[in-house]
Amino acid sequence: MKIVMTVILVLLALLSVAAGSAKLTQAPQEVAFFAELGLDPFWLYPLGALQLGGALACVIPKTRRIGLAAIATGFAISGAMIFLTGNTTFGAVSLVPAALALWLLMRKPRATES
């Protein structure tokens, strides 16, 4: 089970790095998405920083819980924004990383997994 948890953690970190980097570099798709919602592109920076910071924090054991909470929050915000555009299918898929991050965050490690 520890291998599965590690794989999920690595995948969440990579997804969060990709999502955060796209926002921080103001990728045209992200800017257009925010414009579609009527949001100023400035808001790409805090959300991108949350996602990138969460990814970095989750790979350090002492800050893993904070990182997972940040990843869950970032993907939940993104998912909610996608739902606002009316794209419910993609919105639901976007909540999967948030749910996985919450699952890892709330899971209590066994003595053999520490």
Protein backbone atom coordinates (compact mmCIF):
# COMPACT_ATOMS: atom_id res chain seq x y z
CA MET A 1 0.00 0.00 0.00
CA LYS A 2 2.90 2.34 0.66
CA ILE A 3 3.96 2.14 -3.01
CA VAL A 4 0.45 3.10 -4.14
CA MET A 5 0.43 6.04 -1.75
CA THR A 6 3.82 7.19 -3.00
CA VAL A 7 2.74 6.94 -6.65
CA ILE A 8 -0.40 8.98 -5.91
CA LEU A 9 1.66 11.57 -4.04
CA VAL A 10 4.14 11.92 -6.91
CA LEU A 11 1.34 12.18 -9.49
CA LEU A 12 -0.46 14.83 -7.42
CA ALA A 13 2.76 16.81 -7.07
CA LEU A 14 3.39 16.65 -10.83
CA LEU A 15 -0.20 17.66 -11.65
CA SER A 16 0.01 20.54 -9.21
CA VAL A 17 3.36 21.71 -10.64
CA ALA A 18 1.89 21.64 -14.14
CA ALA A 19 -1.28 23.49 -13.15
CA GLY A 20 0.54 26.04 -11.03
CA SER A 21 3.23 26.69 -13.63
CA ALA A 22 0.62 27.25 -16.34
CA LYS A 23 -1.03 29.88 -14.17
CA LEU A 24 2.18 31.59 -13.06
CA THR A 25 3.46 31.83 -16.64
CA GLN A 26 0.03 33.13 -17.70
CA ALA A 27 -0.51 30.50 -20.36
CA PRO A 28 -2.98 31.81 -22.96
CA GLN A 29 -5.53 29.10 -22.13
CA GLU A 30 -5.47 30.05 -18.46
CA VAL A 31 -5.81 33.77 -19.22
CA ALA A 32 -8.73 33.04 -21.57
CA PHE A 33 -10.36 30.80 -18.96
CA PHE A 34 -10.15 33.51 -16.29
CA ALA A 35 -11.44 36.11 -18.77
CA GLU A 36 -14.41 33.82 -19.55
CA LEU A 37 -15.27 33.91 -15.85
CA GLY A 38 -14.80 37.68 -15.71
CA LEU A 39 -11.74 37.41 -13.47
CA ASP A 40 -8.70 39.61 -13.75
CA PRO A 41 -5.56 37.71 -14.85
CA PHE A 42 -3.92 38.89 -11.60
CA TRP A 43 -5.76 36.05 -9.83
CA LEU A 44 -3.72 33.53 -11.78
CA TYR A 45 -0.76 34.36 -9.54
CA PRO A 46 -2.21 33.48 -6.11
CA LEU A 47 -3.86 30.30 -7.42
CA GLY A 48 -0.71 29.28 -9.30
CA ALA A 49 1.45 29.98 -6.25
CA LEU A 50 -0.91 27.88 -4.09
CA GLN A 51 -0.68 24.96 -6.51
CA LEU A 52 3.07 25.19 -7.03
CA GLY A 53 3.76 25.76 -3.33
CA GLY A 54 1.56 22.79 -2.43
CA ALA A 55 3.49 20.56 -4.81
CA LEU A 56 6.82 21.62 -3.33
CA ALA A 57 5.60 21.30 0.26
CA CYS A 58 4.12 17.83 -0.21
CA VAL A 59 7.44 16.27 -1.20
CA ILE A 60 9.03 17.30 2.11
CA PRO A 61 7.87 14.92 4.85
CA LYS A 62 7.64 17.64 7.54
CA THR A 63 5.40 19.86 5.37
CA ARG A 64 3.54 17.10 3.51
CA ARG A 65 0.21 17.71 5.25
CA ILE A 66 0.32 21.43 4.47
CA GLY A 67 1.25 20.65 0.88
CA LEU A 68 -1.59 18.17 0.47
CA ALA A 69 -4.04 20.69 1.93
CA ALA A 70 -2.80 23.32 -0.52
CA ILE A 71 -3.08 20.90 -3.46
CA ALA A 72 -6.61 19.92 -2.43
CA THR A 73 -7.61 23.57 -2.07
CA GLY A 74 -6.07 24.58 -5.40
CA PHE A 75 -7.77 21.81 -7.34
CA ALA A 76 -11.07 22.38 -5.53
CA ILE A 77 -10.98 26.07 -6.51
CA SER A 78 -10.11 25.18 -10.10
CA GLY A 79 -12.85 22.56 -10.21
CA ALA A 80 -15.43 25.01 -8.87
CA MET A 81 -14.38 27.55 -11.48
CA ILE A 82 -14.77 24.93 -14.22
CA PHE A 83 -18.26 24.12 -12.94
CA LEU A 84 -19.11 27.83 -13.24
CA THR A 85 -18.43 27.63 -16.98
CA GLY A 86 -21.06 24.90 -17.28
CA ASN A 87 -18.59 22.13 -18.09
CA THR A 88 -19.75 19.66 -15.45
CA THR A 89 -17.88 16.64 -16.82
CA PHE A 90 -14.48 18.33 -16.79
CA GLY A 91 -15.35 19.97 -13.49
CA ALA A 92 -15.99 16.57 -11.92
CA VAL A 93 -12.76 15.14 -13.34
CA SER A 94 -10.88 18.16 -12.00
CA LEU A 95 -12.06 17.34 -8.49
CA VAL A 96 -10.40 13.91 -8.56
CA PRO A 97 -6.93 15.28 -7.62
CA ALA A 98 -8.54 17.28 -4.80
CA ALA A 99 -10.25 14.15 -3.50
CA LEU A 100 -7.04 12.11 -3.72
CA ALA A 101 -5.10 14.81 -1.87
CA LEU A 102 -7.74 14.87 0.86
CA TRP A 103 -7.65 11.08 1.06
CA LEU A 104 -3.88 11.13 1.60
CA LEU A 105 -4.19 14.00 4.04
CA MET A 106 -6.80 12.29 6.20
CA ARG A 107 -5.22 8.85 6.11
CA LYS A 108 -3.48 7.83 9.30
CA PRO A 109 -0.18 6.04 8.57
CA ARG A 110 0.26 2.62 10.09
CA ALA A 111 3.25 1.94 12.32
CA THR A 112 4.81 -0.12 9.51
CA GLU A 113 4.41 2.72 6.98
CA SER A 114 6.08 5.57 8.87
